Amino acid sequence: MGAVMTENVSDEALMAELASGKQDAIGALYARYAPTVLGMAAQALGRPTGEEIVQDVFVAVWKGAPTFDPSRGAVRPWLLQIAHYRIAN
């Protein structure tokens, strides 16, 4: 999958790719969700801490990809739940 084509790939497909070791998929997920996560975190904790939260969240997504189960829900709420937990703590 080329980086140019990722806008047409579902979040779930990107998670499956990430889980199978295709690390390029994290970039597409980051591009989609980092601005939202940064907005949430920066509003709650300030921008410098917000940037750290974004990094923590995407490391967690990368590490958690093999355990992500699309039958339990979509990627977006799962990822934002990780962000919410990181912001709260």
Protein backbone atom coordinates (compact mmCIF):
# COMPACT_ATOMS: atom_id res chain seq x y z
CA MET A 1 0.00 0.00 0.00
CA GLY A 2 1.46 3.37 -0.95
CA ALA A 3 1.28 6.32 1.36
CA VAL A 4 -0.76 8.20 -1.25
CA MET A 5 -3.52 5.59 -1.19
CA THR A 6 -4.13 5.43 2.57
CA GLU A 7 -7.03 7.90 2.59
CA ASN A 8 -9.22 5.19 0.99
CA VAL A 9 -8.20 2.48 3.46
CA SER A 10 -10.45 1.82 6.46
CA ASP A 11 -9.15 2.23 9.99
CA GLU A 12 -9.79 -1.46 10.58
CA ALA A 13 -7.71 -2.43 7.54
CA LEU A 14 -4.90 -0.17 8.76
CA MET A 15 -5.04 -1.83 12.20
CA ALA A 16 -4.89 -5.27 10.57
CA GLU A 17 -1.84 -4.16 8.57
CA LEU A 18 -0.21 -2.74 11.67
CA ALA A 19 -0.91 -5.94 13.59
CA SER A 20 0.72 -7.96 10.81
CA GLY A 21 3.90 -5.90 11.04
CA LYS A 22 3.31 -3.27 8.36
CA GLN A 23 4.47 -0.28 10.36
CA ASP A 24 3.58 2.23 7.62
CA ALA A 25 -0.04 1.92 8.76
CA ILE A 26 0.68 3.85 11.97
CA GLY A 27 1.47 6.92 9.85
CA ALA A 28 -1.96 6.90 8.26
CA LEU A 29 -3.68 6.46 11.63
CA TYR A 30 -1.51 9.22 13.07
CA ALA A 31 -2.46 11.57 10.22
CA ARG A 32 -6.14 10.84 10.83
CA TYR A 33 -6.27 11.05 14.61
CA ALA A 34 -3.27 12.95 15.99
CA PRO A 35 -4.93 16.37 15.52
CA THR A 36 -8.01 15.22 17.48
CA VAL A 37 -5.92 13.65 20.25
CA LEU A 38 -3.70 16.73 20.45
CA GLY A 39 -6.75 18.99 20.64
CA MET A 40 -8.23 16.97 23.50
CA ALA A 41 -4.95 16.72 25.40
CA ALA A 42 -3.82 20.31 24.85
CA GLN A 43 -7.17 21.65 26.01
CA ALA A 44 -6.95 19.61 29.22
CA LEU A 45 -3.23 19.76 29.96
CA GLY A 46 -1.56 22.36 27.73
CA ARG A 47 0.24 21.90 24.44
CA PRO A 48 3.63 20.50 25.62
CA THR A 49 1.96 17.79 27.69
CA GLY A 50 -0.58 17.28 24.90
CA GLU A 51 2.22 16.49 22.48
CA GLU A 52 3.58 13.89 24.92
CA ILE A 53 0.09 12.39 25.21
CA VAL A 54 -0.15 12.09 21.42
CA GLN A 55 3.13 10.19 21.37
CA ASP A 56 2.01 7.92 24.22
CA VAL A 57 -1.33 7.20 22.55
CA PHE A 58 0.21 6.20 19.22
CA VAL A 59 2.82 4.01 20.90
CA ALA A 60 -0.09 2.31 22.69
CA VAL A 61 -1.98 1.92 19.40
CA TRP A 62 1.10 0.44 17.74
CA LYS A 63 1.70 -1.98 20.62
CA GLY A 64 -2.01 -2.78 20.98
CA ALA A 65 -2.65 -3.44 17.29
CA PRO A 66 -2.35 -7.23 17.61
CA THR A 67 -5.03 -7.26 20.32
CA PHE A 68 -7.45 -4.88 18.58
CA ASP A 69 -10.70 -6.73 17.83
CA PRO A 70 -12.96 -4.97 15.29
CA SER A 71 -15.90 -7.13 16.40
CA ARG A 72 -15.80 -5.27 19.73
CA GLY A 73 -15.97 -1.82 18.13
CA ALA A 74 -14.47 0.63 15.69
CA VAL A 75 -10.92 1.99 15.77
CA ARG A 76 -11.86 5.62 16.42
CA PRO A 77 -13.63 5.11 19.78
CA TRP A 78 -10.95 2.61 20.86
CA LEU A 79 -8.17 5.06 20.05
CA LEU A 80 -9.97 8.00 21.68
CA GLN A 81 -10.59 5.89 24.79
CA ILE A 82 -6.82 5.32 25.02
CA ALA A 83 -6.34 9.07 24.68
CA HIS A 84 -8.94 9.85 27.32
CA TYR A 85 -7.28 7.41 29.74
CA ARG A 86 -3.85 8.94 29.12
CA ILE A 87 -5.21 12.48 29.61
CA ALA A 88 -7.02 11.52 32.83
CA ASN A 89 -3.87 9.99 34.27
